[in-house]
């Protein structure tokens, strides 16, 4: 029986992160055409409930504990911002 690797992916590149985030958004919110820097909230791509789904995705996929103070537009309002946030958190987890 093949085991599934459930460990967080610590070596994930920016491009790979962005692709995983785009795939999650496409699959979860049924949208296809959006830019990495497009605001989720301003474009109506994702609403406040959807942000909760993004938080759960980040926590389960990357093993990051997202604090309430981290759930702000600077971190969760576009593919690019979310990928940068994940990279910062992974880096801080490695050095902690």
Foldseek 3Di string as FASTA:
>chain_A
DDDDDQAADLVDDLVNQLVVVLVCLCVPQVDDDDDQPAFCPVVVSADPVRLVVVQVCLCRHHVFDQDPVNSDCCQRTGSNNVSVNSNVRSVVVVVD
